[in-house]
Amino acid sequence: MRTMGLDVGSKTVGVAVSDELGWTAQGIETIKINEEKNVFGFDRIKELVNEYEIEKFVVGFPKNMNNTVGPRGEASQAYAKKLEELFHLPVHLWDERLSTMAAERVLLEADVSRKKRKKVIDKMAAVMILQGYLDSQK
């Protein structure tokens, strides 16, 4: 059973998928979106859902450090709701506080250049979100 992890930002959505056993997360790609034009990448997500036979979504839920939900958290909740409507699959919100910072740290430690980091940071954050969820299920 494969799970798709999504790191939803204002300009991109990082995508990761689990292996068939649900043990490990692999980064797939970063989808460009445009909130102002209501372009959220759902067509591409549909292609990936079919290709990887996805049965469940995990969407990063960026809460504030004081546990309140701000504008980005509300945007992630709306995105999750739309996924449920479109795909009729379970969607779990996963507390992703600091996941992008953790991804940045991993890439810095790997000595990845700033230009390359910018291209993969959202995909890497999606991996960290999904892996955290998968680890919690064991």
C-alpha atoms as a PDB file:
ATOM      1  CA  MET A   1       0.000   0.000   0.000  1.00  0.00           C
ATOM      2  CA  ARG A   2       1.678   3.191  -1.171  1.00  0.00           C
ATOM      3  CA  THR A   3       1.242   6.553   0.478  1.00  0.00           C
ATOM      4  CA  MET A   4       1.930   9.942  -1.103  1.00  0.00           C
ATOM      5  CA  GLY A   5       3.421  12.715   1.023  1.00  0.00           C
ATOM      6  CA  LEU A   6       2.893  16.337   0.009  1.00  0.00           C
ATOM      7  CA  ASP A   7       4.627  19.508   1.188  1.00  0.00           C
ATOM      8  CA  VAL A   8       2.227  22.230   0.074  1.00  0.00           C
ATOM      9  CA  GLY A   9       3.716  25.693  -0.340  1.00  0.00           C
ATOM     10  CA  SER A  10       2.449  28.857  -1.948  1.00  0.00           C
ATOM     11  CA  LYS A  11       4.376  28.274  -5.208  1.00  0.00           C
ATOM     12  CA  THR A  12       5.223  24.576  -5.225  1.00  0.00           C
ATOM     13  CA  VAL A  13       4.131  21.195  -3.906  1.00  0.00           C
ATOM     14  CA  GLY A  14       6.868  18.741  -2.994  1.00  0.00           C
ATOM     15  CA  VAL A  15       5.904  15.124  -3.687  1.00  0.00           C
ATOM     16  CA  ALA A  16       7.197  11.920  -2.095  1.00  0.00           C
ATOM     17  CA  VAL A  17       5.876   8.355  -2.221  1.00  0.00           C
ATOM     18  CA  SER A  18       6.399   5.370   0.014  1.00  0.00           C
ATOM     19  CA  ASP A  19       7.660   1.987  -1.077  1.00  0.00           C
ATOM     20  CA  GLU A  20       4.983  -0.717  -1.376  1.00  0.00           C
ATOM     21  CA  LEU A  21       5.586  -1.924   2.189  1.00  0.00           C
ATOM     22  CA  GLY A  22       5.198   1.573   3.632  1.00  0.00           C
ATOM     23  CA  TRP A  23       8.668   1.645   5.193  1.00  0.00           C
ATOM     24  CA  THR A  24      10.570   4.320   3.300  1.00  0.00           C
ATOM     25  CA  ALA A  25       9.791   7.597   1.541  1.00  0.00           C
ATOM     26  CA  GLN A  26      11.350   8.645  -1.751  1.00  0.00           C
ATOM     27  CA  GLY A  27      11.202  12.100  -3.268  1.00  0.00           C
ATOM     28  CA  ILE A  28       9.509  12.172  -6.658  1.00  0.00           C
ATOM     29  CA  GLU A  29       9.251  15.750  -7.876  1.00  0.00           C
ATOM     30  CA  THR A  30       8.255  19.329  -7.193  1.00  0.00           C
ATOM     31  CA  ILE A  31       5.071  20.581  -8.858  1.00  0.00           C
ATOM     32  CA  LYS A  32       4.724  24.290  -9.613  1.00  0.00           C
ATOM     33  CA  ILE A  33       1.428  25.811  -8.506  1.00  0.00           C
ATOM     34  CA  ASN A  34      -0.161  29.249  -8.642  1.00  0.00           C
ATOM     35  CA  GLU A  35      -2.641  30.007  -5.858  1.00  0.00           C
ATOM     36  CA  GLU A  36      -3.789  33.260  -7.475  1.00  0.00           C
ATOM     37  CA  LYS A  37      -4.800  31.435 -10.676  1.00  0.00           C
ATOM     38  CA  ASN A  38      -6.247  28.429  -8.804  1.00  0.00           C
ATOM     39  CA  VAL A  39      -3.641  26.114 -10.339  1.00  0.00           C
ATOM     40  CA  PHE A  40      -2.814  23.529  -7.669  1.00  0.00           C
ATOM     41  CA  GLY A  41      -1.213  20.678  -9.605  1.00  0.00           C
ATOM     42  CA  PHE A  42      -4.069  18.211  -9.159  1.00  0.00           C
ATOM     43  CA  ASP A  43      -3.779  16.958 -12.755  1.00  0.00           C
ATOM     44  CA  ARG A  44      -0.153  15.960 -12.165  1.00  0.00           C
ATOM     45  CA  ILE A  45      -1.014  14.464  -8.778  1.00  0.00           C
ATOM     46  CA  LYS A  46      -3.680  12.351 -10.491  1.00  0.00           C
ATOM     47  CA  GLU A  47      -1.068  11.016 -12.930  1.00  0.00           C
ATOM     48  CA  LEU A  48       1.238  10.148 -10.017  1.00  0.00           C
ATOM     49  CA  VAL A  49      -1.607   8.538  -8.025  1.00  0.00           C
ATOM     50  CA  ASN A  50      -2.308   6.251 -10.977  1.00  0.00           C
ATOM     51  CA  GLU A  51       1.359   5.566 -11.748  1.00  0.00           C
ATOM     52  CA  TYR A  52       2.268   4.646  -8.154  1.00  0.00           C
ATOM     53  CA  GLU A  53      -1.118   3.151  -7.198  1.00  0.00           C
ATOM     54  CA  ILE A  54      -1.481   5.516  -4.230  1.00  0.00           C
ATOM     55  CA  GLU A  55      -4.002   4.547  -1.546  1.00  0.00           C
ATOM     56  CA  LYS A  56      -3.509   7.354   0.962  1.00  0.00           C
ATOM     57  CA  PHE A  57      -2.180  10.934   1.241  1.00  0.00           C
ATOM     58  CA  VAL A  58      -0.185  12.632   3.982  1.00  0.00           C
ATOM     59  CA  VAL A  59      -0.213  16.431   3.739  1.00  0.00           C
ATOM     60  CA  GLY A  60       2.226  18.516   5.731  1.00  0.00           C
ATOM     61  CA  PHE A  61       0.378  20.683   8.252  1.00  0.00           C
ATOM     62  CA  PRO A  62       2.480  23.716   9.200  1.00  0.00           C
ATOM     63  CA  LYS A  63       1.315  24.761  12.638  1.00  0.00           C
ATOM     64  CA  ASN A  64       2.805  27.714  14.459  1.00  0.00           C
ATOM     65  CA  MET A  65       5.253  26.930  17.252  1.00  0.00           C
ATOM     66  CA  ASN A  66       2.536  27.795  19.816  1.00  0.00           C
ATOM     67  CA  ASN A  67       0.301  25.127  18.211  1.00  0.00           C
ATOM     68  CA  THR A  68      -2.063  27.610  16.529  1.00  0.00           C
ATOM     69  CA  VAL A  69      -2.978  27.370  12.854  1.00  0.00           C
ATOM     70  CA  GLY A  70      -1.962  30.267  10.627  1.00  0.00           C
ATOM     71  CA  PRO A  71      -2.624  31.081   6.968  1.00  0.00           C
ATOM     72  CA  ARG A  72      -0.292  28.366   5.599  1.00  0.00           C
ATOM     73  CA  GLY A  73      -1.893  25.788   7.877  1.00  0.00           C
ATOM     74  CA  GLU A  74      -5.329  26.821   6.665  1.00  0.00           C
ATOM     75  CA  ALA A  75      -4.110  26.539   3.062  1.00  0.00           C
ATOM     76  CA  SER A  76      -2.863  23.000   3.773  1.00  0.00           C
ATOM     77  CA  GLN A  77      -6.211  22.071   5.334  1.00  0.00           C
ATOM     78  CA  ALA A  78      -8.032  23.361   2.241  1.00  0.00           C
ATOM     79  CA  TYR A  79      -5.622  21.450  -0.027  1.00  0.00           C
ATOM     80  CA  ALA A  80      -6.206  18.255   1.973  1.00  0.00           C
ATOM     81  CA  LYS A  81      -9.968  18.694   1.725  1.00  0.00           C
ATOM     82  CA  LYS A  82      -9.737  19.143  -2.053  1.00  0.00           C
ATOM     83  CA  LEU A  83      -7.612  15.974  -2.334  1.00  0.00           C
ATOM     84  CA  GLU A  84     -10.318  14.025  -0.479  1.00  0.00           C
ATOM     85  CA  GLU A  85     -13.004  15.398  -2.797  1.00  0.00           C
ATOM     86  CA  LEU A  86     -11.066  14.676  -5.987  1.00  0.00           C
ATOM     87  CA  PHE A  87      -9.548  11.278  -5.201  1.00  0.00           C
ATOM     88  CA  HIS A  88     -11.845   9.745  -2.567  1.00  0.00           C
ATOM     89  CA  LEU A  89      -8.773   8.499  -0.664  1.00  0.00           C
ATOM     90  CA  PRO A  90      -7.872   8.994   3.007  1.00  0.00           C
ATOM     91  CA  VAL A  91      -5.905  12.178   3.711  1.00  0.00           C
ATOM     92  CA  HIS A  92      -3.930  12.663   6.921  1.00  0.00           C
ATOM     93  CA  LEU A  93      -2.580  16.014   8.054  1.00  0.00           C
ATOM     94  CA  TRP A  94       0.888  15.619   9.562  1.00  0.00           C
ATOM     95  CA  ASP A  95       2.483  18.216  11.837  1.00  0.00           C
ATOM     96  CA  GLU A  96       5.389  19.410   9.745  1.00  0.00           C
ATOM     97  CA  ARG A  97       6.861  22.079  11.987  1.00  0.00           C
ATOM     98  CA  LEU A  98      10.513  22.527  11.097  1.00  0.00           C
ATOM     99  CA  SER A  99      10.475  19.940   8.279  1.00  0.00           C
ATOM    100  CA  THR A 100      11.720  22.456   5.700  1.00  0.00           C
ATOM    101  CA  MET A 101      14.442  23.604   8.098  1.00  0.00           C
ATOM    102  CA  ALA A 102      15.440  19.972   8.706  1.00  0.00           C
ATOM    103  CA  ALA A 103      15.525  19.337   4.960  1.00  0.00           C
ATOM    104  CA  GLU A 104      17.683  22.439   4.487  1.00  0.00           C
ATOM    105  CA  ARG A 105      20.075  21.196   7.187  1.00  0.00           C
ATOM    106  CA  VAL A 106      20.407  17.772   5.520  1.00  0.00           C
ATOM    107  CA  LEU A 107      21.138  19.391   2.160  1.00  0.00           C
ATOM    108  CA  LEU A 108      23.678  21.774   3.719  1.00  0.00           C
ATOM    109  CA  GLU A 109      25.439  18.874   5.433  1.00  0.00           C
ATOM    110  CA  ALA A 110      25.539  17.089   2.073  1.00  0.00           C
ATOM    111  CA  ASP A 111      27.227  20.214   0.663  1.00  0.00           C
ATOM    112  CA  VAL A 112      24.512  20.775  -1.948  1.00  0.00           C
ATOM    113  CA  SER A 113      24.847  24.167  -3.642  1.00  0.00           C
ATOM    114  CA  ARG A 114      22.278  26.891  -2.941  1.00  0.00           C
ATOM    115  CA  LYS A 115      20.990  26.712  -6.522  1.00  0.00           C
ATOM    116  CA  LYS A 116      20.451  22.942  -6.312  1.00  0.00           C
ATOM    117  CA  ARG A 117      18.965  23.172  -2.800  1.00  0.00           C
ATOM    118  CA  LYS A 118      16.313  25.563  -4.062  1.00  0.00           C
ATOM    119  CA  LYS A 119      15.258  22.995  -6.684  1.00  0.00           C
ATOM    120  CA  VAL A 120      14.939  20.052  -4.294  1.00  0.00           C
ATOM    121  CA  ILE A 121      14.031  21.542  -0.893  1.00  0.00           C
ATOM    122  CA  ASP A 122      10.257  21.028  -1.241  1.00  0.00           C
ATOM    123  CA  LYS A 123      10.685  17.453  -2.475  1.00  0.00           C
ATOM    124  CA  MET A 124      13.047  16.784   0.441  1.00  0.00           C
ATOM    125  CA  ALA A 125      10.553  18.303   2.907  1.00  0.00           C
ATOM    126  CA  ALA A 126       7.856  15.995   1.462  1.00  0.00           C
ATOM    127  CA  VAL A 127      10.174  13.037   2.118  1.00  0.00           C
ATOM    128  CA  MET A 128      10.657  14.137   5.739  1.00  0.00           C
ATOM    129  CA  ILE A 129       6.902  14.612   6.251  1.00  0.00           C
ATOM    130  CA  LEU A 130       6.084  11.215   4.763  1.00  0.00           C
ATOM    131  CA  GLN A 131       8.907   9.405   6.574  1.00  0.00           C
ATOM    132  CA  GLY A 132       7.780  10.873   9.891  1.00  0.00           C
ATOM    133  CA  TYR A 133       4.272   9.603   9.242  1.00  0.00           C
ATOM    134  CA  LEU A 134       5.475   6.159   8.126  1.00  0.00           C
ATOM    135  CA  ASP A 135       7.698   5.822  11.207  1.00  0.00           C
ATOM    136  CA  SER A 136       4.726   6.674  13.446  1.00  0.00           C
ATOM    137  CA  GLN A 137       2.723   3.810  11.946  1.00  0.00           C
ATOM    138  CA  LYS A 138       5.186   1.091  13.006  1.00  0.00           C
END
